Amino acid sequence: MSQTPTIEVKPIADGYTVRLTGPWNLKALRSDFTALREELAALACDRRCRWDMQEIGALDSIGAFLIWQAWNRCLPSDVSMPEHYRTLFRQWTVQPPLPPASRRPLPSFTTVAGRRMFAALDHLRAAMIELGQLTLDTFYLLGHPRRTPWREISATIYESGVRALLITGLVGLLIGIVVSYLSAIELRSYGAQLYVIDILGLGIIRELGPMLAAILVAGRSGSSMTAQLGVMRVTQELDALTAMGISPTLRLVLPKVAALLIVMPLLVVWTDALALLGGMLAVKLELGIAYAQFLRALPSAVPLVNLWIGVGKGAVFGVLVAMTAAHFGLRIEPNTRSLGVETTNSVVSSITLVIVVDAVFAILLQNVGMG
């Protein structure tokens, strides 16, 4: 008996007889699968063919499916084969048709609004729990100052503050140049060039400096904090801390909040200084205002309270960014998809929250430091 699958075609009075011999299983078909499939498909196109499978030595589901596809998924009426081979084809012959695909209806507006509301309430509940635990840990450290995680706080100050000096300074410098040029173009047409110092001072020290520093820290350090907590969730390090009786909030969240509370006001001052430097350079080139004149006019144009408002905003923004990053980091599930989704949510939520809180500050302090 042949050790390879063969196809023999013999003419008869009213057509052809296609006789299949040899083994038709996975092992034998592995080398000539494509050629046999094409040859079978070409023979099956002729309706005068009669199929003889009595001399097939071995037939498994792979060989049967190959022949079944050549027959266009329909068993010919004039096929000759042993009865135990027919069972391999009968499983596809009697298979019920698949039900038609049904489109899931789109959820209604009420359903979507309800889901969003419950999701927002869940985030609010988790945030309140985080804030409460953070408060308890703070009071605990006040009573046990030797347990303060100074190393974690110092490391976060370095990562979120020192290593962010370059990007915040560069962006502040460029923003100062852009604002100066745009203001100078408009003020020159009204003959009020000196008011560019007021616009730069108030805009940068009171609004743009804190906003730029907070947004950059949220995108750079906030995402890193969320990803760090997420990786610890994936690797079960958070579960290990809990099992050892160590509060994850005390060792992981509190140092980040304390570090950003310290470092964000300093970054705001640094960003303000570089932005004013860029503005001063642009004003000198565009309007011819001397550096000494700019520096003499700046304190009278911008009352000192505006600097404290900007520094205070920076401290608040730092706490918000750290708590938002920790909130989404602790919600990450132990899989890589959740890690990416929650990190993105952390950055978007931090920036949105910073802008909303800044708008609230602008409304509440609209009459402070403006005269």
Protein backbone atom coordinates (compact mmCIF):
# COMPACT_ATOMS: atom_id res chain seq x y z
CA MET A 1 0.00 0.00 0.00
CA SER A 2 1.26 3.49 -0.86
CA GLN A 3 2.72 5.54 1.99
CA THR A 4 1.71 8.84 0.41
CA PRO A 5 -1.75 10.15 -0.50
CA THR A 6 -2.41 9.62 -4.21
CA ILE A 7 -5.18 10.54 -6.61
CA GLU A 8 -5.93 8.23 -9.55
CA VAL A 9 -8.32 9.28 -12.32
CA LYS A 10 -9.79 6.58 -14.60
CA PRO A 11 -12.21 7.29 -17.42
CA ILE A 12 -15.49 5.36 -17.54
CA ALA A 13 -18.40 5.35 -19.95
CA ASP A 14 -20.19 8.44 -18.59
CA GLY A 15 -17.39 10.31 -16.84
CA TYR A 16 -14.42 9.65 -14.53
CA THR A 17 -13.67 7.71 -11.42
CA VAL A 18 -11.45 9.46 -8.89
CA ARG A 19 -9.85 6.92 -6.60
CA LEU A 20 -8.06 8.07 -3.47
CA THR A 21 -5.45 5.74 -2.02
CA GLY A 22 -2.80 5.79 0.67
CA PRO A 23 -2.92 7.58 4.02
CA TRP A 24 -4.91 10.83 4.16
CA ASN A 25 -3.94 12.08 7.60
CA LEU A 26 -1.99 15.01 9.02
CA LYS A 27 1.37 13.26 8.91
CA ALA A 28 1.05 12.26 5.24
CA LEU A 29 -0.57 15.50 4.05
CA ARG A 30 1.99 17.81 5.65
CA SER A 31 4.31 17.96 2.62
CA ASP A 32 1.83 18.13 -0.31
CA PHE A 33 -1.17 19.79 1.32
CA THR A 34 -1.50 22.73 -1.09
CA ALA A 35 -0.97 20.70 -4.26
CA LEU A 36 -3.49 18.03 -3.21
CA ARG A 37 -6.06 20.67 -2.30
CA GLU A 38 -5.78 22.34 -5.71
CA GLU A 39 -5.96 19.01 -7.56
CA LEU A 40 -9.02 17.90 -5.60
CA ALA A 41 -10.75 21.25 -6.18
CA ALA A 42 -10.13 20.99 -9.94
CA LEU A 43 -11.55 17.43 -10.11
CA ALA A 44 -14.58 18.29 -7.97
CA CYS A 45 -15.64 20.95 -10.48
CA ASP A 46 -16.54 18.18 -12.95
CA ARG A 47 -19.99 16.84 -12.07
CA ARG A 48 -19.28 13.57 -13.93
CA CYS A 49 -16.69 12.46 -11.37
CA ARG A 50 -17.42 9.50 -9.12
CA TRP A 51 -15.39 9.20 -5.97
CA ASP A 52 -13.90 5.95 -4.72
CA MET A 53 -12.41 6.09 -1.19
CA GLN A 54 -12.46 2.37 -0.42
CA GLU A 55 -8.67 2.01 -0.55
CA ILE A 56 -7.75 4.90 1.72
CA GLY A 57 -5.41 3.45 4.33
CA ALA A 58 -5.89 6.11 7.03
CA LEU A 59 -8.22 9.08 7.25
CA ASP A 60 -8.36 11.62 10.05
CA SER A 61 -10.31 14.85 10.48
CA ILE A 62 -7.66 16.89 8.63
CA GLY A 63 -7.79 14.70 5.53
CA ALA A 64 -11.57 14.49 5.68
CA PHE A 65 -11.85 18.29 5.94
CA LEU A 66 -9.51 18.72 2.95
CA ILE A 67 -11.76 16.47 0.84
CA TRP A 68 -14.87 18.12 2.27
CA GLN A 69 -13.67 21.56 1.15
CA ALA A 70 -13.00 20.21 -2.38
CA TRP A 71 -16.59 18.93 -2.47
CA ASN A 72 -17.79 22.47 -1.69
CA ARG A 73 -18.94 21.33 1.75
CA CYS A 74 -21.53 18.94 0.36
CA LEU A 75 -21.29 15.14 0.32
CA PRO A 76 -21.65 13.79 -3.27
CA SER A 77 -24.37 11.22 -3.85
CA ASP A 78 -22.12 8.82 -5.80
CA VAL A 79 -19.22 8.52 -3.35
CA SER A 80 -18.01 5.11 -2.24
CA MET A 81 -16.31 4.81 1.16
CA PRO A 82 -16.32 2.60 4.26
CA GLU A 83 -19.05 3.38 6.75
CA HIS A 84 -16.68 4.41 9.52
CA TYR A 85 -15.28 7.12 7.23
CA ARG A 86 -18.73 8.59 6.71
CA THR A 87 -18.89 9.58 10.36
CA LEU A 88 -16.07 12.05 9.76
CA PHE A 89 -18.15 13.82 7.10
CA ARG A 90 -21.47 13.43 8.90
CA GLN A 91 -20.37 15.81 11.69
CA TRP A 92 -20.33 18.65 9.16
CA THR A 93 -23.34 17.45 7.19
CA VAL A 94 -25.71 17.52 10.16
CA GLN A 95 -24.25 20.69 11.69
CA PRO A 96 -27.07 23.22 12.15
CA PRO A 97 -26.67 26.58 10.44
CA LEU A 98 -25.34 29.42 12.51
CA PRO A 99 -27.97 31.89 13.71
CA PRO A 100 -27.94 35.25 11.97
CA ALA A 101 -25.74 37.81 13.63
CA SER A 102 -27.81 40.22 15.66
CA ARG A 103 -26.67 43.77 16.30
CA ARG A 104 -26.75 44.82 19.90
CA PRO A 105 -28.94 47.87 20.35
CA LEU A 106 -27.19 51.06 21.33
CA PRO A 107 -27.73 52.02 24.97
CA SER A 108 -30.12 54.86 25.60
CA PHE A 109 -29.08 58.27 26.86
CA THR A 110 -30.50 57.47 30.29
CA THR A 111 -28.45 54.27 30.49
CA VAL A 112 -25.23 56.01 29.49
CA ALA A 113 -25.87 58.90 31.89
CA GLY A 114 -26.63 56.46 34.71
CA ARG A 115 -23.43 54.50 34.11
CA ARG A 116 -21.36 57.68 34.04
CA MET A 117 -23.01 58.91 37.22
CA PHE A 118 -22.32 55.66 39.09
CA ALA A 119 -18.73 55.65 37.80
CA ALA A 120 -18.25 59.23 39.02
CA LEU A 121 -19.73 58.33 42.42
CA ASP A 122 -17.38 55.35 42.64
CA HIS A 123 -14.39 57.59 41.90
CA LEU A 124 -15.62 60.08 44.48
CA ARG A 125 -16.02 57.36 47.11
CA ALA A 126 -12.51 56.02 46.43
CA ALA A 127 -11.07 59.54 46.55
CA MET A 128 -12.73 60.23 49.91
CA ILE A 129 -11.35 56.95 51.28
CA GLU A 130 -7.89 57.87 50.01
CA LEU A 131 -8.12 61.34 51.56
CA GLY A 132 -9.30 59.91 54.87
CA GLN A 133 -6.51 57.34 54.96
CA LEU A 134 -4.00 60.03 54.07
CA THR A 135 -5.26 62.17 56.95
CA LEU A 136 -4.98 59.27 59.38
CA ASP A 137 -1.43 58.54 58.20
CA THR A 138 -0.49 62.19 58.64
CA PHE A 139 -1.71 62.24 62.25
CA TYR A 140 0.09 58.95 62.85
CA LEU A 141 3.38 60.45 61.65
CA LEU A 142 2.85 63.52 63.83
CA GLY A 143 2.75 61.17 66.80
CA HIS A 144 5.57 58.97 65.49
CA PRO A 145 7.94 61.29 63.58
CA ARG A 146 10.65 58.63 63.43
CA ARG A 147 8.39 56.57 61.11
CA THR A 148 8.33 59.35 58.48
CA PRO A 149 9.45 57.94 55.10
CA TRP A 150 12.15 60.55 54.47
CA ARG A 151 13.89 58.48 51.79
CA GLU A 152 10.74 58.14 49.71
CA ILE A 153 10.00 61.84 50.07
CA SER A 154 13.55 62.78 49.08
CA ALA A 155 13.51 60.44 46.08
CA THR A 156 10.21 61.88 44.86
CA ILE A 157 11.51 65.44 45.27
CA TYR A 158 14.47 64.55 43.10
CA GLU A 159 12.43 62.72 40.45
CA SER A 160 9.55 65.22 40.27
CA GLY A 161 11.44 68.42 41.04
CA VAL A 162 15.12 68.37 40.18
CA ARG A 163 14.69 66.31 37.01
CA ALA A 164 11.79 68.53 35.90
CA LEU A 165 13.80 71.76 36.04
CA LEU A 166 14.97 71.53 32.43
CA ILE A 167 11.58 70.98 30.78
CA THR A 168 9.69 73.47 32.96
CA GLY A 169 12.38 76.11 32.49
CA LEU A 170 12.50 75.61 28.72
CA VAL A 171 8.71 75.76 28.33
CA GLY A 172 8.50 78.80 30.63
CA LEU A 173 11.19 80.61 28.62
CA LEU A 174 9.41 79.94 25.32
CA ILE A 175 5.99 80.89 26.66
CA GLY A 176 7.42 84.16 27.98
CA ILE A 177 8.85 84.96 24.54
CA VAL A 178 5.57 84.12 22.77
CA VAL A 179 3.39 86.15 25.15
CA SER A 180 5.77 89.13 24.90
CA TYR A 181 5.77 89.18 21.12
CA LEU A 182 1.98 88.85 20.87
CA SER A 183 1.41 91.55 23.48
CA ALA A 184 3.97 93.88 21.94
CA ILE A 185 2.32 93.73 18.52
CA GLU A 186 -1.04 94.82 19.92
CA LEU A 187 0.23 97.39 22.42
CA ARG A 188 2.46 99.12 19.87
CA SER A 189 -0.58 99.98 17.77
CA TYR A 190 -2.09 101.83 20.77
CA GLY A 191 1.15 103.44 21.92
CA ALA A 192 1.03 101.60 25.26
CA GLN A 193 4.25 99.62 25.07
CA LEU A 194 5.02 99.91 28.78
CA TYR A 195 1.89 97.98 29.70
CA VAL A 196 3.54 94.86 28.34
CA ILE A 197 5.29 94.61 31.71
CA ASP A 198 1.92 94.52 33.51
CA ILE A 199 0.58 91.87 31.15
CA LEU A 200 3.68 89.72 31.45
CA GLY A 201 3.97 90.08 35.21
CA LEU A 202 0.35 89.37 36.08
CA GLY A 203 -0.18 86.73 33.41
CA ILE A 204 2.93 84.73 34.17
CA ILE A 205 3.28 85.10 37.94
CA ARG A 206 -0.41 84.74 38.75
CA GLU A 207 -1.69 82.32 36.07
CA LEU A 208 0.66 80.91 33.46
CA GLY A 209 3.55 79.95 35.77
CA PRO A 210 1.50 77.76 38.15
CA MET A 211 -0.54 76.30 35.27
CA LEU A 212 2.48 75.41 33.14
CA ALA A 213 4.36 73.85 36.04
CA ALA A 214 1.32 71.82 37.15
CA ILE A 215 0.48 70.56 33.65
CA LEU A 216 4.07 69.55 32.94
CA VAL A 217 4.40 67.80 36.30
CA ALA A 218 1.06 66.04 35.74
CA GLY A 219 2.16 64.75 32.35
CA ARG A 220 5.69 63.88 33.40
CA SER A 221 5.63 62.89 37.07
CA GLY A 222 1.94 62.10 37.57
CA SER A 223 1.97 59.47 34.84
CA SER A 224 5.15 57.99 36.31
CA MET A 225 3.56 57.72 39.76
CA THR A 226 0.47 56.02 38.37
CA ALA A 227 2.53 53.58 36.31
CA GLN A 228 4.74 52.80 39.31
CA LEU A 229 1.76 51.91 41.49
CA GLY A 230 0.23 49.95 38.62
CA VAL A 231 3.34 47.85 38.12
CA MET A 232 3.39 47.16 41.85
CA ARG A 233 -0.21 45.98 41.55
CA VAL A 234 0.63 43.73 38.59
CA THR A 235 3.64 42.23 40.41
CA GLN A 236 1.57 41.87 43.62
CA GLU A 237 3.92 44.10 45.61
CA LEU A 238 0.96 46.05 47.01
CA ASP A 239 -0.59 42.80 48.24
CA ALA A 240 2.72 41.88 49.84
CA LEU A 241 2.87 45.22 51.70
CA THR A 242 -0.66 44.72 52.99
CA ALA A 243 0.13 41.17 54.05
CA MET A 244 3.12 42.43 56.05
CA GLY A 245 0.96 45.00 57.82
CA ILE A 246 2.51 48.01 56.02
CA SER A 247 0.10 50.70 54.89
CA PRO A 248 0.51 51.31 51.12
CA THR A 249 -0.82 54.82 51.65
CA LEU A 250 1.84 55.59 54.27
CA ARG A 251 4.75 54.22 52.24
CA LEU A 252 3.66 55.10 48.70
CA VAL A 253 0.99 57.82 48.58
CA LEU A 254 1.96 60.12 51.46
CA PRO A 255 5.60 60.59 50.27
CA LYS A 256 4.39 61.61 46.81
CA VAL A 257 1.87 64.09 48.17
CA ALA A 258 4.39 65.58 50.62
CA ALA A 259 7.10 65.79 47.96
CA LEU A 260 4.91 67.60 45.43
CA LEU A 261 3.60 69.88 48.18
CA ILE A 262 7.20 70.95 48.76
CA VAL A 263 8.55 70.95 45.23
CA MET A 264 5.67 72.48 43.23
CA PRO A 265 5.94 76.01 44.73
CA LEU A 266 9.66 75.95 43.94
CA LEU A 267 8.96 74.83 40.37
CA VAL A 268 6.41 77.64 40.03
CA VAL A 269 9.01 80.22 41.08
CA TRP A 270 11.54 78.67 38.69
CA THR A 271 9.05 78.68 35.80
CA ASP A 272 8.02 82.26 36.55
CA ALA A 273 11.65 83.40 36.56
CA LEU A 274 12.46 81.76 33.21
CA ALA A 275 9.21 82.98 31.64
CA LEU A 276 9.91 86.57 32.77
CA LEU A 277 13.46 86.23 31.46
CA GLY A 278 12.17 85.17 28.06
CA GLY A 279 9.62 87.96 28.09
CA MET A 280 12.27 90.51 29.05
CA LEU A 281 14.50 89.41 26.16
CA ALA A 282 11.63 89.58 23.67
CA VAL A 283 10.52 93.01 24.94
CA LYS A 284 14.07 94.33 24.56
CA LEU A 285 14.27 93.11 20.96
CA GLU A 286 10.75 94.07 19.93
CA LEU A 287 10.03 97.28 21.85
CA GLY A 288 13.48 98.41 22.93
CA ILE A 289 12.63 98.43 26.64
CA ALA A 290 15.87 98.12 28.61
CA TYR A 291 16.41 95.29 31.07
CA ALA A 292 16.89 97.71 33.97
CA GLN A 293 13.65 99.52 33.13
CA PHE A 294 11.80 96.21 32.97
CA LEU A 295 13.12 95.11 36.36
CA ARG A 296 12.35 98.50 37.99
CA ALA A 297 8.80 98.58 36.66
CA LEU A 298 7.92 94.96 37.46
CA PRO A 299 7.46 95.27 41.28
CA SER A 300 5.13 98.25 40.94
CA ALA A 301 3.18 96.63 38.11
CA VAL A 302 2.71 93.33 39.96
CA PRO A 303 1.92 93.54 43.71
CA LEU A 304 3.72 90.95 45.83
CA VAL A 305 0.47 89.22 46.76
CA ASN A 306 0.28 87.84 43.21
CA LEU A 307 3.51 85.93 43.79
CA TRP A 308 2.05 84.35 46.92
CA ILE A 309 -1.14 83.50 45.04
CA GLY A 310 0.91 81.74 42.36
CA VAL A 311 3.02 79.89 44.92
CA GLY A 312 -0.11 78.85 46.83
CA LYS A 313 -1.68 77.59 43.62
CA GLY A 314 1.43 75.55 42.98
CA ALA A 315 1.17 73.85 46.37
CA VAL A 316 -2.51 73.04 45.82
CA PHE A 317 -1.86 71.79 42.29
CA GLY A 318 0.97 69.58 43.56
CA VAL A 319 -1.31 67.90 46.11
CA LEU A 320 -4.03 67.42 43.45
CA VAL A 321 -1.63 65.90 40.93
CA ALA A 322 -0.12 63.50 43.48
CA MET A 323 -3.49 62.40 44.87
CA THR A 324 -4.97 61.93 41.38
CA ALA A 325 -1.96 59.89 40.27
CA ALA A 326 -2.19 57.72 43.39
CA HIS A 327 -5.96 57.37 43.03
CA PHE A 328 -5.75 55.94 39.52
CA GLY A 329 -2.61 53.96 40.32
CA LEU A 330 -4.33 52.11 43.16
CA ARG A 331 -7.32 51.34 40.90
CA ILE A 332 -5.21 49.51 38.32
CA GLU A 333 -6.10 45.85 37.91
CA PRO A 334 -3.36 43.20 37.56
CA ASN A 335 -3.19 43.30 33.75
CA THR A 336 -1.30 45.38 31.21
CA ARG A 337 -4.39 46.85 29.52
CA SER A 338 -5.62 48.38 32.76
CA LEU A 339 -2.15 49.80 33.34
CA GLY A 340 -2.24 51.79 30.10
CA VAL A 341 -5.86 52.89 30.46
CA GLU A 342 -5.56 54.13 34.03
CA THR A 343 -2.27 55.91 33.33
CA THR A 344 -3.97 57.81 30.52
CA ASN A 345 -6.95 58.56 32.74
CA SER A 346 -4.60 59.83 35.43
CA VAL A 347 -2.89 62.36 33.16
CA VAL A 348 -6.14 63.58 31.60
CA SER A 349 -7.90 63.87 34.96
CA SER A 350 -4.94 65.67 36.58
CA ILE A 351 -4.73 68.29 33.84
CA THR A 352 -8.50 68.78 33.81
CA LEU A 353 -8.63 69.09 37.59
CA VAL A 354 -5.78 71.63 37.58
CA ILE A 355 -7.60 73.80 35.02
CA VAL A 356 -10.90 73.59 36.91
CA VAL A 357 -9.30 74.50 40.24
CA ASP A 358 -7.38 77.33 38.60
CA ALA A 359 -10.67 78.73 37.27
CA VAL A 360 -12.12 78.53 40.79
CA PHE A 361 -9.11 80.42 42.16
CA ALA A 362 -9.51 83.06 39.44
CA ILE A 363 -13.15 83.65 40.43
CA LEU A 364 -12.53 83.68 44.19
CA LEU A 365 -9.44 85.92 44.01
CA GLN A 366 -10.53 88.22 41.21
CA ASN A 367 -10.28 91.35 43.42
CA VAL A 368 -7.07 90.34 45.22
CA GLY A 369 -3.76 91.78 44.04
CA MET A 370 -5.22 93.54 41.02
CA GLY A 371 -4.94 97.15 42.20
